[in-house]
Amino acid sequence: MSERVAVRKTYKLFIGGKFPRSESGRSYLVQSSNVSLASRKDARDAVVAARAAVKGWAGATAYNRGQILYRAAEMLEGRREQFVALGIPGDEVDAAVDRWVWYAGWADKLAQVYGGANPVAGPYFNISAPEPTGVVAVVAPERPALLGLVSVIAPAIVTGNTVVVAASPSEPLAAVTLAEVLATSDLPGGVVNILTGAITETAPTLAAHMDVNAIDLTGVTDASLATDLEVKAAENLKRVLRPASGAAEWFADPGLARMTALLETKTVWHPKGV
């Protein structure tokens, strides 16, 4: 009897709640596994999926969004050993689970902190309320592979945005395995879309795309690429979240900055009743 040959897993993209191969048919090898190499066409497809999901996700109740993020934490907890087998330290997996729970808890509280009634002279109510920006492109940090990824995705989606993530090309397995977690966590298709492959190919497409409303450059380490992406983003006045100066403290309390950076504020005037 011949020795059995193991079946090599092919990690696919995550677009619109499904796992398609790259339309180019390309892949690259990471830890003895094939990983899809996303093309510019894949990036455009991901934006279409993210845009289609905006209305339903932004229109969901904050409480429901919190429930879904908490479900993601539950599913991630159940796959802890799978991530450890990929080389993710156990304490990082635990921190990623806790980060999902932390953001889930903010889902129905942020409007109370970031919005409110404004004092005005006259018989009017003047109310400011936060609203999602829309479709957000995210360049994920290389390390920590899982915690960094969760820390850029969760604050964007908990507030009602949808995202297209350009995963780190050197650490893609955490991203595509997280996609498998999200696919089973009640998250509507298209809310999170994950592209693996060369950031230099997908990120410029996302930065220049006219249906992307904001871009998070956290994972961009090349200063010239960051500048190029900001120039492309300016074509439709995208909101740009620049990388933090110095080393990011991913295990520290994340605060509210990432959530509020991807919000718009709507102010409504309403006459007071007699």
Protein backbone atom coordinates (compact mmCIF):
# COMPACT_ATOMS: atom_id res chain seq x y z
CA MET A 1 0.00 0.00 0.00
CA SER A 2 1.45 3.36 -1.06
CA GLU A 3 2.00 6.13 1.46
CA ARG A 4 -0.86 8.58 1.59
CA VAL A 5 -0.26 12.04 0.11
CA ALA A 6 -1.75 14.82 2.20
CA VAL A 7 -4.21 17.16 0.51
CA ARG A 8 -2.79 20.66 0.46
CA LYS A 9 -5.36 23.25 1.48
CA THR A 10 -6.02 26.17 -0.83
CA TYR A 11 -7.00 29.31 1.07
CA LYS A 12 -9.39 31.41 -1.00
CA LEU A 13 -10.55 35.01 -0.90
CA PHE A 14 -13.56 36.06 1.17
CA ILE A 15 -15.94 38.21 -0.88
CA GLY A 16 -19.65 38.69 -0.32
CA GLY A 17 -19.80 35.91 2.26
CA LYS A 18 -18.35 33.37 -0.19
CA PHE A 19 -14.89 31.92 -0.80
CA PRO A 20 -13.98 32.45 -4.46
CA ARG A 21 -10.60 31.83 -5.98
CA SER A 22 -8.89 34.83 -7.51
CA GLU A 23 -10.36 35.56 -10.93
CA SER A 24 -6.76 35.55 -12.20
CA GLY A 25 -6.28 31.95 -11.06
CA ARG A 26 -3.07 32.93 -9.26
CA SER A 27 -1.90 31.72 -5.87
CA TYR A 28 1.28 31.70 -3.79
CA LEU A 29 2.75 29.33 -1.25
CA VAL A 30 2.63 30.07 2.51
CA GLN A 31 3.47 27.40 5.12
CA SER A 32 2.97 24.63 2.55
CA SER A 33 -0.51 25.93 1.68
CA ASN A 34 -1.75 27.67 -1.44
CA VAL A 35 -3.12 31.17 -0.84
CA SER A 36 -5.09 33.05 -3.48
CA LEU A 37 -3.33 36.06 -4.97
CA ALA A 38 -6.01 38.74 -5.37
CA SER A 39 -6.10 40.87 -8.48
CA ARG A 40 -7.42 44.38 -9.11
CA LYS A 41 -10.62 42.79 -10.44
CA ASP A 42 -11.04 40.92 -7.14
CA ALA A 43 -10.62 44.23 -5.28
CA ARG A 44 -13.35 45.82 -7.39
CA ASP A 45 -15.63 42.82 -6.81
CA ALA A 46 -15.05 43.13 -3.06
CA VAL A 47 -16.07 46.81 -3.14
CA VAL A 48 -19.28 45.91 -4.98
CA ALA A 49 -20.06 43.30 -2.30
CA ALA A 50 -19.27 45.74 0.51
CA ARG A 51 -21.46 48.45 -1.01
CA ALA A 52 -24.37 46.04 -1.41
CA ALA A 53 -24.14 45.17 2.28
CA VAL A 54 -24.05 48.76 3.60
CA LYS A 55 -27.80 49.38 3.70
CA GLY A 56 -28.69 46.25 5.64
CA TRP A 57 -25.75 46.43 8.03
CA ALA A 58 -25.99 50.16 8.76
CA GLY A 59 -29.75 49.76 9.13
CA ALA A 60 -29.46 46.94 11.66
CA THR A 61 -29.96 47.86 15.29
CA ALA A 62 -26.83 48.55 17.28
CA TYR A 63 -27.86 45.78 19.65
CA ASN A 64 -28.00 43.29 16.76
CA ARG A 65 -24.56 44.32 15.52
CA GLY A 66 -23.24 43.78 19.03
CA GLN A 67 -24.78 40.31 19.15
CA ILE A 68 -23.10 39.37 15.87
CA LEU A 69 -19.69 40.61 17.01
CA TYR A 70 -20.10 38.64 20.22
CA ARG A 71 -20.95 35.57 18.14
CA ALA A 72 -17.69 36.10 16.24
CA ALA A 73 -15.88 36.02 19.58
CA GLU A 74 -17.61 32.75 20.47
CA MET A 75 -16.63 31.14 17.17
CA LEU A 76 -13.05 32.39 17.44
CA GLU A 77 -12.80 30.97 20.95
CA GLY A 78 -13.92 27.59 19.60
CA ARG A 79 -11.16 27.63 16.97
CA ARG A 80 -8.39 28.69 19.33
CA GLU A 81 -6.26 25.61 18.75
CA GLN A 82 -6.54 25.99 14.99
CA PHE A 83 -5.00 29.46 15.18
CA VAL A 84 -2.31 28.24 17.57
CA ALA A 85 -1.46 25.52 15.03
CA LEU A 86 -0.92 28.28 12.45
CA GLY A 87 1.71 29.83 14.70
CA ILE A 88 -0.43 32.46 16.43
CA PRO A 89 0.54 32.65 20.13
CA GLY A 90 -2.22 31.53 22.48
CA ASP A 91 -2.22 34.83 24.39
CA GLU A 92 -2.74 36.69 21.13
CA VAL A 93 -5.74 34.51 20.23
CA ASP A 94 -7.19 35.17 23.68
CA ALA A 95 -6.61 38.91 23.26
CA ALA A 96 -8.32 38.82 19.85
CA VAL A 97 -11.36 37.10 21.38
CA ASP A 98 -11.46 39.70 24.14
CA ARG A 99 -11.15 42.49 21.57
CA TRP A 100 -14.25 41.25 19.71
CA VAL A 101 -16.17 41.18 23.00
CA TRP A 102 -14.94 44.67 23.93
CA TYR A 103 -16.14 46.19 20.66
CA ALA A 104 -19.39 44.22 20.80
CA GLY A 105 -20.11 45.92 24.10
CA TRP A 106 -19.72 49.36 22.52
CA ALA A 107 -22.24 48.72 19.75
CA ASP A 108 -25.24 50.19 21.56
CA LYS A 109 -23.34 52.66 23.72
CA LEU A 110 -21.23 54.70 21.31
CA ALA A 111 -24.14 56.91 20.19
CA GLN A 112 -24.72 57.90 23.81
CA VAL A 113 -21.09 58.95 24.20
CA TYR A 114 -20.44 60.43 20.77
CA GLY A 115 -23.88 61.96 20.10
CA GLY A 116 -26.32 63.99 22.13
CA ALA A 117 -28.65 66.96 22.37
CA ASN A 118 -27.08 70.37 21.73
CA PRO A 119 -28.17 73.56 23.57
CA VAL A 120 -29.63 76.11 21.12
CA ALA A 121 -31.42 79.45 21.43
CA GLY A 122 -34.95 78.87 20.23
CA PRO A 123 -37.87 76.45 20.42
CA TYR A 124 -35.99 73.61 18.77
CA PHE A 125 -34.40 70.29 19.54
CA ASN A 126 -30.92 70.08 18.07
CA ILE A 127 -29.62 66.50 18.08
CA SER A 128 -26.31 65.14 16.81
CA ALA A 129 -26.04 61.43 16.08
CA PRO A 130 -23.16 59.35 14.68
CA GLU A 131 -23.62 57.53 11.38
CA PRO A 132 -21.34 55.12 9.51
CA THR A 133 -19.10 56.47 6.77
CA GLY A 134 -19.91 53.60 4.38
CA VAL A 135 -17.39 51.34 2.65
CA VAL A 136 -13.98 51.32 4.33
CA ALA A 137 -10.82 49.87 2.77
CA VAL A 138 -8.34 48.57 5.34
CA VAL A 139 -4.68 47.64 4.92
CA ALA A 140 -4.13 45.20 7.79
CA PRO A 141 -0.94 45.24 9.88
CA GLU A 142 1.56 42.43 9.44
CA ARG A 143 1.93 41.75 13.16
CA PRO A 144 0.35 40.82 15.44
CA ALA A 145 -1.27 38.83 12.64
CA LEU A 146 -4.60 38.04 14.33
CA LEU A 147 -4.97 40.69 17.01
CA GLY A 148 -3.93 43.44 14.61
CA LEU A 149 -6.48 42.22 12.07
CA VAL A 150 -9.33 42.11 14.59
CA SER A 151 -8.30 45.51 15.93
CA VAL A 152 -8.80 47.17 12.53
CA ILE A 153 -11.90 45.24 11.41
CA ALA A 154 -14.02 45.31 14.58
CA PRO A 155 -14.11 49.10 15.15
CA ALA A 156 -15.03 49.68 11.52
CA ILE A 157 -17.95 47.27 11.39
CA VAL A 158 -19.37 47.74 14.89
CA THR A 159 -20.41 51.27 13.90
CA GLY A 160 -22.21 50.10 10.74
CA ASN A 161 -19.49 50.36 8.10
CA THR A 162 -18.57 47.53 5.75
CA VAL A 163 -14.94 46.73 4.97
CA VAL A 164 -12.62 45.44 2.29
CA VAL A 165 -9.42 44.22 3.93
CA ALA A 166 -6.07 43.89 2.18
CA ALA A 167 -4.44 41.25 4.39
CA SER A 168 -0.72 41.17 5.04
CA PRO A 169 0.91 39.15 2.21
CA SER A 170 3.41 37.59 4.62
CA GLU A 171 0.79 36.64 7.26
CA PRO A 172 -2.33 35.70 5.25
CA LEU A 173 -3.33 32.47 7.01
CA ALA A 174 -4.66 34.25 10.09
CA ALA A 175 -6.79 36.46 7.83
CA VAL A 176 -8.33 33.70 5.74
CA THR A 177 -8.92 31.53 8.81
CA LEU A 178 -10.62 34.49 10.47
CA ALA A 179 -12.79 34.69 7.35
CA GLU A 180 -13.91 31.12 8.03
CA VAL A 181 -14.82 32.19 11.57
CA LEU A 182 -16.83 35.18 10.33
CA ALA A 183 -18.64 33.06 7.74
CA THR A 184 -20.15 31.03 10.58
CA SER A 185 -20.85 33.92 12.97
CA ASP A 186 -24.15 35.28 11.55
CA LEU A 187 -22.29 38.17 9.90
CA PRO A 188 -24.19 39.13 6.71
CA GLY A 189 -22.30 38.48 3.49
CA GLY A 190 -20.33 41.48 2.24
CA VAL A 191 -19.87 43.20 5.61
CA VAL A 192 -16.29 41.92 5.77
CA ASN A 193 -14.37 41.06 2.60
CA ILE A 194 -10.79 39.82 2.78
CA LEU A 195 -8.21 39.91 -0.02
CA THR A 196 -4.89 38.09 0.19
CA GLY A 197 -1.86 38.78 -1.96
CA ALA A 198 0.24 41.80 -2.86
CA ILE A 199 -0.84 45.01 -1.13
CA THR A 200 0.91 46.96 -3.88
CA GLU A 201 -1.64 45.53 -6.32
CA THR A 202 -4.90 45.72 -4.33
CA ALA A 203 -4.41 48.79 -2.12
CA PRO A 204 -3.99 51.34 -4.96
CA THR A 205 -7.17 50.01 -6.57
CA LEU A 206 -9.06 50.43 -3.30
CA ALA A 207 -7.60 53.90 -2.66
CA ALA A 208 -8.65 55.12 -6.11
CA HIS A 209 -12.06 53.42 -6.13
CA MET A 210 -14.85 56.00 -6.25
CA ASP A 211 -17.23 53.83 -4.22
CA VAL A 212 -14.88 53.55 -1.23
CA ASN A 213 -15.57 56.20 1.40
CA ALA A 214 -12.58 55.81 3.72
CA ILE A 215 -9.25 54.02 3.85
CA ASP A 216 -7.28 52.83 6.86
CA LEU A 217 -3.54 52.72 6.11
CA THR A 218 -2.52 51.10 9.40
CA GLY A 219 -0.64 48.24 7.73
CA VAL A 220 1.27 50.38 5.22
CA THR A 221 4.94 50.53 6.19
CA ASP A 222 6.32 51.95 2.93
CA ALA A 223 6.19 55.76 3.13
CA SER A 224 6.10 56.21 -0.64
CA LEU A 225 3.21 53.76 -0.98
CA ALA A 226 1.34 55.53 1.83
CA THR A 227 1.77 58.86 0.02
CA ASP A 228 0.58 57.36 -3.25
CA LEU A 229 -2.50 55.90 -1.57
CA GLU A 230 -3.34 59.23 0.07
CA VAL A 231 -3.08 61.02 -3.29
CA LYS A 232 -5.40 58.47 -4.90
CA ALA A 233 -7.81 58.72 -1.94
CA ALA A 234 -8.02 62.50 -2.40
CA GLU A 235 -9.72 62.07 -5.77
CA ASN A 236 -13.09 61.50 -4.10
CA LEU A 237 -12.23 63.04 -0.71
CA LYS A 238 -11.95 59.74 1.12
CA ARG A 239 -11.37 59.89 4.83
CA VAL A 240 -7.82 58.65 5.48
CA LEU A 241 -6.72 56.99 8.71
CA ARG A 242 -2.94 57.26 8.75
CA PRO A 243 -0.61 54.78 10.46
CA ALA A 244 0.28 55.70 14.01
CA SER A 245 3.76 57.16 14.50
CA GLY A 246 5.97 54.70 16.34
CA ALA A 247 5.13 51.15 17.34
CA ALA A 248 1.44 50.46 17.96
CA GLU A 249 0.48 49.03 21.35
CA TRP A 250 -1.94 46.39 20.11
CA PHE A 251 -2.44 44.73 23.49
CA ALA A 252 -3.31 48.04 25.20
CA ASP A 253 -6.82 49.42 25.71
CA PRO A 254 -7.84 50.43 22.17
CA GLY A 255 -9.97 53.41 23.18
CA LEU A 256 -12.63 54.97 20.95
CA ALA A 257 -10.41 56.61 18.33
CA ARG A 258 -10.74 53.91 15.67
CA MET A 259 -14.52 53.85 15.95
CA THR A 260 -15.02 57.61 15.91
CA ALA A 261 -12.53 58.08 13.04
CA LEU A 262 -14.89 56.16 10.75
CA LEU A 263 -18.10 57.94 11.72
CA GLU A 264 -19.95 60.93 10.29
CA THR A 265 -22.03 63.18 12.53
CA LYS A 266 -25.58 64.04 11.46
CA THR A 267 -27.22 67.00 13.18
CA VAL A 268 -30.99 67.37 13.05
CA TRP A 269 -33.13 70.37 14.01
CA HIS A 270 -36.70 69.69 15.11
CA PRO A 271 -39.28 72.15 16.43
CA LYS A 272 -40.52 71.59 19.95
CA GLY A 273 -44.18 70.67 20.28
CA VAL A 274 -46.62 72.88 22.13
